[in-house]
Amino acid sequence: MAEPSTVARPYAEAAFKLSEAGSALGKWSEMLGALAGVAQDRRVGAAMSDPNRSDAQVAGIFIAILQGRLNGEAENFVRVLAVNKRLELLPLIHEEFEALKNEREGVVEAQVQSAFELTEAQLADLVQRLEKKTGRKVRTQVQLNRELIGGVRILLGDKVIDGSARAQLEALETALKT
């Protein structure tokens, strides 16, 4: 059986092509985000797995919950996902879509873990350095991680930049053991 992300990718690519055709990347990003949120609701999950509900009824639940927030193409997209029993993949489809959107816009996501709260100036300086290093616009998500002791750890795409005190201590420990 294929990995869920492998199954989700073609649907994300289809949504991406639809969004490009209508010059609506932002709108599709918003709609897929809302659909992903609905798909993660446990009550909707129960409705999706109810064998007594038809595909059309399950699609109708999504469309009704997001009434007025989906365009006609997105509603048809939901119907196709329902017929193919893929509505539970909406969070992954949204994630894959966002990756395609970021690539198109020249944006890279950076997860910044810091031992302490970063000031706006510190974060702006960090973003500026990362943008200079990558040559792309950097969008950050910051979270506290007290286990780092000090410094920051950055996950930038598939790269890790670890400037934490914990990493330095571990490197020192390794050097002393050899």
C-alpha atoms as a PDB file:
ATOM      1  CA  MET A   1       0.000   0.000   0.000  1.00  0.00           C
ATOM      2  CA  ALA A   2       1.282   3.474  -0.908  1.00  0.00           C
ATOM      3  CA  GLU A   3       2.286   6.035   1.678  1.00  0.00           C
ATOM      4  CA  PRO A   4      -0.478   8.566   2.414  1.00  0.00           C
ATOM      5  CA  SER A   5       1.707  11.471   1.270  1.00  0.00           C
ATOM      6  CA  THR A   6       2.333   9.663  -2.033  1.00  0.00           C
ATOM      7  CA  VAL A   7      -1.420   9.302  -2.537  1.00  0.00           C
ATOM      8  CA  ALA A   8      -2.054  12.919  -1.477  1.00  0.00           C
ATOM      9  CA  ARG A   9       0.527  14.459  -3.834  1.00  0.00           C
ATOM     10  CA  PRO A  10      -1.422  14.074  -7.130  1.00  0.00           C
ATOM     11  CA  TYR A  11      -4.490  15.670  -5.541  1.00  0.00           C
ATOM     12  CA  ALA A  12      -2.361  18.562  -4.266  1.00  0.00           C
ATOM     13  CA  GLU A  13      -0.865  18.973  -7.733  1.00  0.00           C
ATOM     14  CA  ALA A  14      -4.330  18.993  -9.279  1.00  0.00           C
ATOM     15  CA  ALA A  15      -5.495  21.654  -6.810  1.00  0.00           C
ATOM     16  CA  PHE A  16      -2.327  23.622  -7.524  1.00  0.00           C
ATOM     17  CA  LYS A  17      -3.018  23.552 -11.276  1.00  0.00           C
ATOM     18  CA  LEU A  18      -6.591  24.683 -10.653  1.00  0.00           C
ATOM     19  CA  SER A  19      -5.341  27.525  -8.470  1.00  0.00           C
ATOM     20  CA  GLU A  20      -2.798  28.624 -11.077  1.00  0.00           C
ATOM     21  CA  ALA A  21      -5.394  28.583 -13.852  1.00  0.00           C
ATOM     22  CA  GLY A  22      -7.564  30.937 -11.823  1.00  0.00           C
ATOM     23  CA  SER A  23      -4.664  32.956 -10.383  1.00  0.00           C
ATOM     24  CA  ALA A  24      -5.919  32.021  -6.946  1.00  0.00           C
ATOM     25  CA  LEU A  25      -3.025  30.437  -5.030  1.00  0.00           C
ATOM     26  CA  GLY A  26      -3.924  32.267  -1.836  1.00  0.00           C
ATOM     27  CA  LYS A  27      -7.631  31.435  -2.094  1.00  0.00           C
ATOM     28  CA  TRP A  28      -6.913  27.727  -2.684  1.00  0.00           C
ATOM     29  CA  SER A  29      -4.455  27.697   0.197  1.00  0.00           C
ATOM     30  CA  GLU A  30      -7.166  29.123   2.436  1.00  0.00           C
ATOM     31  CA  MET A  31      -9.839  26.706   1.173  1.00  0.00           C
ATOM     32  CA  LEU A  32      -7.603  23.644   1.544  1.00  0.00           C
ATOM     33  CA  GLY A  33      -6.621  24.786   5.036  1.00  0.00           C
ATOM     34  CA  ALA A  34     -10.284  25.048   6.007  1.00  0.00           C
ATOM     35  CA  LEU A  35     -11.042  21.647   4.451  1.00  0.00           C
ATOM     36  CA  ALA A  36      -8.106  20.087   6.301  1.00  0.00           C
ATOM     37  CA  GLY A  37      -9.450  21.489   9.562  1.00  0.00           C
ATOM     38  CA  VAL A  38     -12.880  20.004   8.901  1.00  0.00           C
ATOM     39  CA  ALA A  39     -11.341  16.627   8.005  1.00  0.00           C
ATOM     40  CA  GLN A  40      -9.512  16.556  11.350  1.00  0.00           C
ATOM     41  CA  ASP A  41     -12.682  17.042  13.383  1.00  0.00           C
ATOM     42  CA  ARG A  42     -13.557  13.781  15.139  1.00  0.00           C
ATOM     43  CA  ARG A  43     -17.292  14.164  14.456  1.00  0.00           C
ATOM     44  CA  VAL A  44     -16.662  14.607  10.749  1.00  0.00           C
ATOM     45  CA  GLY A  45     -14.284  11.643  10.893  1.00  0.00           C
ATOM     46  CA  ALA A  46     -17.087   9.535  12.333  1.00  0.00           C
ATOM     47  CA  ALA A  47     -19.393  10.671   9.540  1.00  0.00           C
ATOM     48  CA  MET A  48     -16.762   9.841   6.910  1.00  0.00           C
ATOM     49  CA  SER A  49     -16.389   6.306   8.227  1.00  0.00           C
ATOM     50  CA  ASP A  50     -20.150   5.708   8.555  1.00  0.00           C
ATOM     51  CA  PRO A  51     -21.000   3.000   5.982  1.00  0.00           C
ATOM     52  CA  ASN A  52     -24.618   4.211   5.864  1.00  0.00           C
ATOM     53  CA  ARG A  53     -23.590   7.557   4.330  1.00  0.00           C
ATOM     54  CA  SER A  54     -23.097   7.879   0.583  1.00  0.00           C
ATOM     55  CA  ASP A  55     -20.091   9.659  -0.915  1.00  0.00           C
ATOM     56  CA  ALA A  56     -22.378  12.519  -1.914  1.00  0.00           C
ATOM     57  CA  GLN A  57     -23.641  12.863   1.665  1.00  0.00           C
ATOM     58  CA  VAL A  58     -20.125  12.933   3.083  1.00  0.00           C
ATOM     59  CA  ALA A  59     -19.052  15.536   0.513  1.00  0.00           C
ATOM     60  CA  GLY A  60     -22.198  17.483   1.373  1.00  0.00           C
ATOM     61  CA  ILE A  61     -21.139  17.610   5.027  1.00  0.00           C
ATOM     62  CA  PHE A  62     -17.859  19.311   4.096  1.00  0.00           C
ATOM     63  CA  ILE A  63     -19.545  21.686   1.693  1.00  0.00           C
ATOM     64  CA  ALA A  64     -22.265  22.588   4.210  1.00  0.00           C
ATOM     65  CA  ILE A  65     -19.781  23.215   7.030  1.00  0.00           C
ATOM     66  CA  LEU A  66     -17.757  25.539   4.805  1.00  0.00           C
ATOM     67  CA  GLN A  67     -20.745  27.102   3.074  1.00  0.00           C
ATOM     68  CA  GLY A  68     -19.706  30.306   1.329  1.00  0.00           C
ATOM     69  CA  ARG A  69     -15.983  29.664   1.830  1.00  0.00           C
ATOM     70  CA  LEU A  70     -15.522  27.261  -1.106  1.00  0.00           C
ATOM     71  CA  ASN A  71     -15.792  28.106  -4.770  1.00  0.00           C
ATOM     72  CA  GLY A  72     -17.410  25.743  -7.288  1.00  0.00           C
ATOM     73  CA  GLU A  73     -14.094  24.133  -8.243  1.00  0.00           C
ATOM     74  CA  ALA A  74     -13.285  23.414  -4.596  1.00  0.00           C
ATOM     75  CA  GLU A  75     -16.719  21.879  -4.051  1.00  0.00           C
ATOM     76  CA  ASN A  76     -16.125  19.620  -7.065  1.00  0.00           C
ATOM     77  CA  PHE A  77     -12.693  18.785  -5.657  1.00  0.00           C
ATOM     78  CA  VAL A  78     -14.368  17.665  -2.415  1.00  0.00           C
ATOM     79  CA  ARG A  79     -16.793  15.506  -4.380  1.00  0.00           C
ATOM     80  CA  VAL A  80     -13.935  13.822  -6.263  1.00  0.00           C
ATOM     81  CA  LEU A  81     -12.111  13.159  -2.986  1.00  0.00           C
ATOM     82  CA  ALA A  82     -15.295  11.695  -1.498  1.00  0.00           C
ATOM     83  CA  VAL A  83     -15.892   9.360  -4.443  1.00  0.00           C
ATOM     84  CA  ASN A  84     -12.279   8.176  -4.243  1.00  0.00           C
ATOM     85  CA  LYS A  85     -12.449   7.791  -0.431  1.00  0.00           C
ATOM     86  CA  ARG A  86      -9.637  10.339   0.030  1.00  0.00           C
ATOM     87  CA  LEU A  87     -11.216  13.020   2.230  1.00  0.00           C
ATOM     88  CA  GLU A  88      -9.131  11.887   5.205  1.00  0.00           C
ATOM     89  CA  LEU A  89      -6.049  12.921   3.202  1.00  0.00           C
ATOM     90  CA  LEU A  90      -7.049  16.592   3.158  1.00  0.00           C
ATOM     91  CA  PRO A  91      -4.480  17.617   5.821  1.00  0.00           C
ATOM     92  CA  LEU A  92      -1.713  15.995   3.746  1.00  0.00           C
ATOM     93  CA  ILE A  93      -3.096  17.455   0.522  1.00  0.00           C
ATOM     94  CA  HIS A  94      -3.010  20.894   2.139  1.00  0.00           C
ATOM     95  CA  GLU A  95       0.566  20.320   3.306  1.00  0.00           C
ATOM     96  CA  GLU A  96       1.691  19.203  -0.174  1.00  0.00           C
ATOM     97  CA  PHE A  97      -0.142  22.172  -1.745  1.00  0.00           C
ATOM     98  CA  GLU A  98       1.641  24.579   0.605  1.00  0.00           C
ATOM     99  CA  ALA A  99       5.007  23.089  -0.374  1.00  0.00           C
ATOM    100  CA  LEU A 100       4.191  23.650  -4.060  1.00  0.00           C
ATOM    101  CA  LYS A 101       2.977  27.178  -3.323  1.00  0.00           C
ATOM    102  CA  ASN A 102       6.114  28.012  -1.332  1.00  0.00           C
ATOM    103  CA  GLU A 103       8.308  26.697  -4.133  1.00  0.00           C
ATOM    104  CA  ARG A 104       6.459  28.842  -6.681  1.00  0.00           C
ATOM    105  CA  GLU A 105       6.744  31.926  -4.473  1.00  0.00           C
ATOM    106  CA  GLY A 106      10.409  31.312  -3.595  1.00  0.00           C
ATOM    107  CA  VAL A 107       9.652  30.812   0.082  1.00  0.00           C
ATOM    108  CA  VAL A 108      11.296  28.339   2.427  1.00  0.00           C
ATOM    109  CA  GLU A 109       9.819  27.336   5.781  1.00  0.00           C
ATOM    110  CA  ALA A 110      12.105  27.468   8.807  1.00  0.00           C
ATOM    111  CA  GLN A 111      11.252  25.958  12.173  1.00  0.00           C
ATOM    112  CA  VAL A 112      13.206  27.799  14.823  1.00  0.00           C
ATOM    113  CA  GLN A 113      13.565  26.224  18.246  1.00  0.00           C
ATOM    114  CA  SER A 114      14.946  28.549  20.860  1.00  0.00           C
ATOM    115  CA  ALA A 115      15.866  28.030  24.489  1.00  0.00           C
ATOM    116  CA  PHE A 116      14.507  31.497  25.289  1.00  0.00           C
ATOM    117  CA  GLU A 117      11.926  33.919  23.877  1.00  0.00           C
ATOM    118  CA  LEU A 118      13.332  35.767  20.880  1.00  0.00           C
ATOM    119  CA  THR A 119      12.751  39.482  20.590  1.00  0.00           C
ATOM    120  CA  GLU A 120      11.370  40.836  17.328  1.00  0.00           C
ATOM    121  CA  ALA A 121      14.790  42.311  16.541  1.00  0.00           C
ATOM    122  CA  GLN A 122      16.538  38.971  17.133  1.00  0.00           C
ATOM    123  CA  LEU A 123      14.026  37.146  14.964  1.00  0.00           C
ATOM    124  CA  ALA A 124      14.290  39.764  12.203  1.00  0.00           C
ATOM    125  CA  ASP A 125      18.096  39.457  12.277  1.00  0.00           C
ATOM    126  CA  LEU A 126      17.852  35.656  12.119  1.00  0.00           C
ATOM    127  CA  VAL A 127      15.411  35.795   9.196  1.00  0.00           C
ATOM    128  CA  GLN A 128      17.653  38.261   7.358  1.00  0.00           C
ATOM    129  CA  ARG A 129      20.666  35.958   7.780  1.00  0.00           C
ATOM    130  CA  LEU A 130      18.703  32.916   6.640  1.00  0.00           C
ATOM    131  CA  GLU A 131      17.386  34.782   3.585  1.00  0.00           C
ATOM    132  CA  LYS A 132      20.920  35.832   2.697  1.00  0.00           C
ATOM    133  CA  LYS A 133      22.158  32.250   3.124  1.00  0.00           C
ATOM    134  CA  THR A 134      19.344  30.620   1.113  1.00  0.00           C
ATOM    135  CA  GLY A 135      18.659  33.357  -1.430  1.00  0.00           C
ATOM    136  CA  ARG A 136      14.943  32.843  -0.751  1.00  0.00           C
ATOM    137  CA  LYS A 137      12.284  34.464   1.393  1.00  0.00           C
ATOM    138  CA  VAL A 138      12.109  32.730   4.784  1.00  0.00           C
ATOM    139  CA  ARG A 139       8.894  32.163   6.722  1.00  0.00           C
ATOM    140  CA  THR A 140       9.532  31.148  10.339  1.00  0.00           C
ATOM    141  CA  GLN A 141       7.683  29.247  13.004  1.00  0.00           C
ATOM    142  CA  VAL A 142       9.225  29.762  16.427  1.00  0.00           C
ATOM    143  CA  GLN A 143       8.816  27.476  19.393  1.00  0.00           C
ATOM    144  CA  LEU A 144      10.446  27.330  22.801  1.00  0.00           C
ATOM    145  CA  ASN A 145      12.574  24.314  23.657  1.00  0.00           C
ATOM    146  CA  ARG A 146      14.168  24.694  27.100  1.00  0.00           C
ATOM    147  CA  GLU A 147      16.143  21.463  26.570  1.00  0.00           C
ATOM    148  CA  LEU A 148      18.465  23.359  24.210  1.00  0.00           C
ATOM    149  CA  ILE A 149      19.905  25.148  27.286  1.00  0.00           C
ATOM    150  CA  GLY A 150      20.865  28.151  25.124  1.00  0.00           C
ATOM    151  CA  GLY A 151      21.002  29.226  21.489  1.00  0.00           C
ATOM    152  CA  VAL A 152      18.763  28.096  18.626  1.00  0.00           C
ATOM    153  CA  ARG A 153      18.199  25.051  16.447  1.00  0.00           C
ATOM    154  CA  ILE A 154      16.852  25.707  12.953  1.00  0.00           C
ATOM    155  CA  LEU A 155      15.177  23.203  10.643  1.00  0.00           C
ATOM    156  CA  LEU A 156      15.372  24.712   7.180  1.00  0.00           C
ATOM    157  CA  GLY A 157      13.869  22.369   4.631  1.00  0.00           C
ATOM    158  CA  ASP A 158      15.941  19.208   4.960  1.00  0.00           C
ATOM    159  CA  LYS A 159      18.854  20.979   6.689  1.00  0.00           C
ATOM    160  CA  VAL A 160      19.450  21.389  10.414  1.00  0.00           C
ATOM    161  CA  ILE A 161      21.475  24.280  11.753  1.00  0.00           C
ATOM    162  CA  ASP A 162      22.143  23.536  15.404  1.00  0.00           C
ATOM    163  CA  GLY A 163      23.662  26.427  17.319  1.00  0.00           C
ATOM    164  CA  SER A 164      22.328  25.299  20.679  1.00  0.00           C
ATOM    165  CA  ALA A 165      24.374  24.957  23.831  1.00  0.00           C
ATOM    166  CA  ARG A 166      23.192  21.352  24.097  1.00  0.00           C
ATOM    167  CA  ALA A 167      24.681  20.528  20.671  1.00  0.00           C
ATOM    168  CA  GLN A 168      27.957  22.194  21.608  1.00  0.00           C
ATOM    169  CA  LEU A 169      28.115  20.238  24.865  1.00  0.00           C
ATOM    170  CA  GLU A 170      27.396  16.991  23.026  1.00  0.00           C
ATOM    171  CA  ALA A 171      30.168  17.758  20.505  1.00  0.00           C
ATOM    172  CA  LEU A 172      32.568  18.494  23.347  1.00  0.00           C
ATOM    173  CA  GLU A 173      31.610  15.237  25.082  1.00  0.00           C
ATOM    174  CA  THR A 174      32.211  13.280  21.861  1.00  0.00           C
ATOM    175  CA  ALA A 175      35.590  14.980  21.345  1.00  0.00           C
ATOM    176  CA  LEU A 176      36.670  14.173  24.885  1.00  0.00           C
ATOM    177  CA  LYS A 177      35.722  10.492  24.503  1.00  0.00           C
ATOM    178  CA  THR A 178      37.940  10.007  21.445  1.00  0.00           C
END
